[in-house]
Amino acid sequence: MNIFEIIGYIAGLSVAVCFLPQSIKTIRTQKTDDISLLSYFIYNIGIICWIIYGWYLNSLQMMLFNAISLVSSLSIFIITLKNKIRQMR
């Protein structure tokens, strides 16, 4: 493994866990008043595209780290969507 691969793993891991604190907080509190549903929707579509592109490139690193990002981001998106629907009723 060369230095650039190590940098790639550090970058991938950093991006993958960046939403983890927010998703834990959101799951615990269920508060999503200030979260933009549209931005998380667009972000999740982008992450899904990165996973597909990683599969195309046969890049386990790209697929793995983006899948981790997707789990965190998708949990926030789902709770936010659920709260927005609840507010509309």
N, C-alpha and C. Protein backbone atom coordinates (compact mmCIF):
# COMPACT_ATOMS: atom_id res chain seq x y z
N MET A 1 0.85 -1.17 0.00
CA MET A 1 0.00 0.00 0.00
C MET A 1 0.90 1.24 0.00
N ASN A 2 0.64 2.14 -0.94
CA ASN A 2 1.46 3.34 -1.02
C ASN A 2 0.82 4.50 -0.26
N ILE A 3 1.52 5.61 -0.18
CA ILE A 3 1.07 6.77 0.59
C ILE A 3 -0.25 7.33 0.05
N PHE A 4 -0.46 7.26 -1.24
CA PHE A 4 -1.69 7.80 -1.82
C PHE A 4 -2.90 6.93 -1.47
N GLU A 5 -2.70 5.63 -1.39
CA GLU A 5 -3.78 4.75 -0.95
C GLU A 5 -4.13 5.01 0.51
N ILE A 6 -3.11 5.24 1.33
CA ILE A 6 -3.34 5.55 2.74
C ILE A 6 -4.11 6.86 2.88
N ILE A 7 -3.71 7.86 2.09
CA ILE A 7 -4.42 9.15 2.09
C ILE A 7 -5.87 8.93 1.65
N GLY A 8 -6.08 8.08 0.67
CA GLY A 8 -7.43 7.77 0.20
C GLY A 8 -8.28 7.15 1.29
N TYR A 9 -7.69 6.23 2.05
CA TYR A 9 -8.42 5.61 3.14
C TYR A 9 -8.74 6.61 4.25
N ILE A 10 -7.79 7.47 4.57
CA ILE A 10 -8.03 8.51 5.58
C ILE A 10 -9.15 9.45 5.11
N ALA A 11 -9.09 9.86 3.85
CA ALA A 11 -10.12 10.74 3.30
C ALA A 11 -11.49 10.05 3.32
N GLY A 12 -11.52 8.83 2.86
CA GLY A 12 -12.78 8.09 2.81
C GLY A 12 -13.38 7.89 4.19
N LEU A 13 -12.55 7.53 5.15
CA LEU A 13 -13.03 7.33 6.51
C LEU A 13 -13.52 8.63 7.12
N SER A 14 -12.79 9.72 6.88
CA SER A 14 -13.20 11.02 7.40
C SER A 14 -14.57 11.44 6.88
N VAL A 15 -14.77 11.29 5.59
CA VAL A 15 -16.05 11.66 4.98
C VAL A 15 -17.14 10.71 5.46
N ALA A 16 -16.80 9.44 5.59
CA ALA A 16 -17.80 8.45 5.99
C ALA A 16 -18.33 8.69 7.40
N VAL A 17 -17.49 9.14 8.29
CA VAL A 17 -17.93 9.31 9.68
C VAL A 17 -18.35 10.74 10.00
N CYS A 18 -18.26 11.66 9.05
CA CYS A 18 -18.57 13.06 9.36
C CYS A 18 -20.04 13.25 9.75
N PHE A 19 -20.95 12.46 9.24
CA PHE A 19 -22.36 12.59 9.59
C PHE A 19 -22.73 11.77 10.82
N LEU A 20 -21.82 10.95 11.30
CA LEU A 20 -22.13 10.08 12.43
C LEU A 20 -22.57 10.86 13.68
N PRO A 21 -21.85 11.90 14.12
CA PRO A 21 -22.33 12.64 15.30
C PRO A 21 -23.72 13.24 15.11
N GLN A 22 -23.98 13.79 13.92
CA GLN A 22 -25.30 14.38 13.66
C GLN A 22 -26.38 13.30 13.62
N SER A 23 -26.09 12.16 13.02
CA SER A 23 -27.11 11.11 12.96
C SER A 23 -27.39 10.54 14.35
N ILE A 24 -26.38 10.39 15.18
CA ILE A 24 -26.61 9.92 16.55
C ILE A 24 -27.47 10.92 17.31
N LYS A 25 -27.15 12.20 17.19
CA LYS A 25 -27.93 13.25 17.86
C LYS A 25 -29.37 13.26 17.36
N THR A 26 -29.55 13.14 16.06
CA THR A 26 -30.88 13.15 15.48
C THR A 26 -31.69 11.94 15.92
N ILE A 27 -31.06 10.79 15.95
CA ILE A 27 -31.76 9.57 16.39
C ILE A 27 -32.17 9.70 17.86
N ARG A 28 -31.29 10.24 18.67
CA ARG A 28 -31.59 10.39 20.11
C ARG A 28 -32.67 11.43 20.38
N THR A 29 -32.57 12.59 19.74
CA THR A 29 -33.49 13.69 20.06
C THR A 29 -34.72 13.73 19.17
N GLN A 30 -34.62 13.17 17.97
CA GLN A 30 -35.69 13.22 16.97
C GLN A 30 -36.00 14.65 16.54
N LYS A 31 -35.10 15.60 16.83
CA LYS A 31 -35.31 17.00 16.45
C LYS A 31 -34.66 17.27 15.11
N THR A 32 -35.47 17.75 14.17
CA THR A 32 -34.97 18.01 12.82
C THR A 32 -35.48 19.33 12.27
N ASP A 33 -35.89 20.22 13.14
CA ASP A 33 -36.51 21.47 12.69
C ASP A 33 -35.63 22.27 11.72
N ASP A 34 -34.35 22.32 11.96
CA ASP A 34 -33.45 23.15 11.16
C ASP A 34 -32.71 22.37 10.08
N ILE A 35 -33.12 21.15 9.82
CA ILE A 35 -32.45 20.32 8.82
C ILE A 35 -33.18 20.44 7.49
N SER A 36 -32.43 20.69 6.43
CA SER A 36 -33.01 20.81 5.10
C SER A 36 -33.23 19.43 4.49
N LEU A 37 -34.48 19.10 4.27
CA LEU A 37 -34.84 17.81 3.67
C LEU A 37 -34.28 17.71 2.25
N LEU A 38 -34.37 18.80 1.50
CA LEU A 38 -33.89 18.80 0.12
C LEU A 38 -32.38 18.54 0.04
N SER A 39 -31.62 19.18 0.92
CA SER A 39 -30.16 18.98 0.86
C SER A 39 -29.78 17.54 1.17
N TYR A 40 -30.45 16.92 2.13
CA TYR A 40 -30.16 15.51 2.45
C TYR A 40 -30.63 14.59 1.34
N PHE A 41 -31.73 14.94 0.68
CA PHE A 41 -32.20 14.14 -0.46
C PHE A 41 -31.15 14.16 -1.58
N ILE A 42 -30.69 15.35 -1.92
CA ILE A 42 -29.69 15.49 -2.98
C ILE A 42 -28.39 14.79 -2.59
N TYR A 43 -27.97 14.97 -1.34
CA TYR A 43 -26.75 14.33 -0.86
C TYR A 43 -26.85 12.81 -0.96
N ASN A 44 -27.99 12.25 -0.55
CA ASN A 44 -28.16 10.79 -0.61
C ASN A 44 -28.15 10.27 -2.04
N ILE A 45 -28.75 11.01 -2.96
CA ILE A 45 -28.70 10.62 -4.38
C ILE A 45 -27.25 10.61 -4.85
N GLY A 46 -26.49 11.64 -4.47
CA GLY A 46 -25.08 11.69 -4.84
C GLY A 46 -24.28 10.52 -4.27
N ILE A 47 -24.53 10.17 -3.03
CA ILE A 47 -23.83 9.05 -2.41
C ILE A 47 -24.18 7.74 -3.11
N ILE A 48 -25.45 7.56 -3.44
CA ILE A 48 -25.85 6.35 -4.17
C ILE A 48 -25.12 6.29 -5.51
N CYS A 49 -25.00 7.42 -6.19
CA CYS A 49 -24.27 7.46 -7.46
C CYS A 49 -22.80 7.12 -7.26
N TRP A 50 -22.18 7.61 -6.17
CA TRP A 50 -20.79 7.26 -5.88
C TRP A 50 -20.63 5.77 -5.64
N ILE A 51 -21.59 5.16 -4.96
CA ILE A 51 -21.52 3.71 -4.72
C ILE A 51 -21.60 2.96 -6.05
N ILE A 52 -22.51 3.38 -6.90
CA ILE A 52 -22.63 2.73 -8.22
C ILE A 52 -21.34 2.93 -9.03
N TYR A 53 -20.80 4.13 -8.99
CA TYR A 53 -19.55 4.40 -9.70
C TYR A 53 -18.40 3.58 -9.12
N GLY A 54 -18.36 3.44 -7.81
CA GLY A 54 -17.35 2.59 -7.17
C GLY A 54 -17.48 1.14 -7.60
N TRP A 55 -18.72 0.69 -7.76
CA TRP A 55 -18.95 -0.68 -8.24
C TRP A 55 -18.44 -0.81 -9.67
N TYR A 56 -18.74 0.19 -10.49
CA TYR A 56 -18.26 0.19 -11.88
C TYR A 56 -16.73 0.14 -11.94
N LEU A 57 -16.08 0.89 -11.07
CA LEU A 57 -14.61 0.92 -11.04
C LEU A 57 -14.01 -0.26 -10.28
N ASN A 58 -14.89 -1.06 -9.68
CA ASN A 58 -14.45 -2.18 -8.84
C ASN A 58 -13.60 -1.66 -7.68
N SER A 59 -14.05 -0.55 -7.07
CA SER A 59 -13.33 0.09 -5.97
C SER A 59 -14.05 -0.19 -4.65
N LEU A 60 -13.56 -1.18 -3.94
CA LEU A 60 -14.14 -1.52 -2.65
C LEU A 60 -14.09 -0.33 -1.70
N GLN A 61 -12.98 0.38 -1.73
CA GLN A 61 -12.78 1.55 -0.87
C GLN A 61 -13.90 2.59 -1.12
N MET A 62 -14.18 2.89 -2.36
CA MET A 62 -15.19 3.89 -2.70
C MET A 62 -16.58 3.41 -2.30
N MET A 63 -16.88 2.15 -2.55
CA MET A 63 -18.19 1.61 -2.20
C MET A 63 -18.38 1.55 -0.69
N LEU A 64 -17.37 1.09 0.03
CA LEU A 64 -17.46 0.91 1.48
C LEU A 64 -17.68 2.24 2.20
N PHE A 65 -16.81 3.21 1.93
CA PHE A 65 -16.91 4.47 2.65
C PHE A 65 -18.17 5.25 2.29
N ASN A 66 -18.60 5.16 1.05
CA ASN A 66 -19.85 5.83 0.68
C ASN A 66 -21.07 5.12 1.26
N ALA A 67 -21.00 3.81 1.40
CA ALA A 67 -22.10 3.08 2.04
C ALA A 67 -22.22 3.48 3.51
N ILE A 68 -21.09 3.66 4.18
CA ILE A 68 -21.11 4.12 5.57
C ILE A 68 -21.73 5.51 5.64
N SER A 69 -21.33 6.39 4.73
CA SER A 69 -21.91 7.74 4.67
C SER A 69 -23.41 7.69 4.44
N LEU A 70 -23.82 6.79 3.56
CA LEU A 70 -25.24 6.68 3.22
C LEU A 70 -26.08 6.28 4.43
N VAL A 71 -25.59 5.35 5.22
CA VAL A 71 -26.34 4.91 6.40
C VAL A 71 -26.57 6.08 7.35
N SER A 72 -25.52 6.84 7.64
CA SER A 72 -25.67 7.99 8.54
C SER A 72 -26.59 9.05 7.96
N SER A 73 -26.36 9.41 6.72
CA SER A 73 -27.13 10.47 6.08
C SER A 73 -28.58 10.05 5.86
N LEU A 74 -28.78 8.81 5.48
CA LEU A 74 -30.13 8.33 5.23
C LEU A 74 -30.96 8.29 6.51
N SER A 75 -30.32 7.97 7.63
CA SER A 75 -31.06 7.97 8.90
C SER A 75 -31.56 9.37 9.23
N ILE A 76 -30.73 10.38 9.00
CA ILE A 76 -31.15 11.76 9.24
C ILE A 76 -32.28 12.13 8.27
N PHE A 77 -32.14 11.75 7.01
CA PHE A 77 -33.15 12.06 6.01
C PHE A 77 -34.50 11.43 6.38
N ILE A 78 -34.50 10.18 6.78
CA ILE A 78 -35.75 9.48 7.11
C ILE A 78 -36.44 10.12 8.31
N ILE A 79 -35.68 10.43 9.35
CA ILE A 79 -36.27 11.06 10.53
C ILE A 79 -36.80 12.45 10.18
N THR A 80 -36.06 13.19 9.37
CA THR A 80 -36.51 14.52 8.94
C THR A 80 -37.79 14.42 8.12
N LEU A 81 -37.84 13.48 7.20
CA LEU A 81 -39.02 13.27 6.38
C LEU A 81 -40.22 12.90 7.24
N LYS A 82 -40.01 12.01 8.18
CA LYS A 82 -41.08 11.59 9.09
C LYS A 82 -41.61 12.79 9.88
N ASN A 83 -40.72 13.64 10.36
CA ASN A 83 -41.13 14.82 11.12
C ASN A 83 -41.86 15.83 10.25
N LYS A 84 -41.42 16.03 9.01
CA LYS A 84 -42.09 16.95 8.09
C LYS A 84 -43.51 16.48 7.78
N ILE A 85 -43.67 15.18 7.59
CA ILE A 85 -45.00 14.61 7.31
C ILE A 85 -45.89 14.80 8.53
N ARG A 86 -45.34 14.58 9.72
CA ARG A 86 -46.09 14.75 10.96
C ARG A 86 -46.55 16.20 11.13
N GLN A 87 -45.68 17.16 10.76
CA GLN A 87 -46.02 18.58 10.89
C GLN A 87 -47.14 18.99 9.93
N MET A 88 -47.22 18.32 8.78
CA MET A 88 -48.22 18.67 7.78
C MET A 88 -49.61 18.21 8.20
N ARG A 89 -49.71 17.28 9.11
CA ARG A 89 -51.02 16.76 9.52
C ARG A 89 -51.71 17.66 10.47
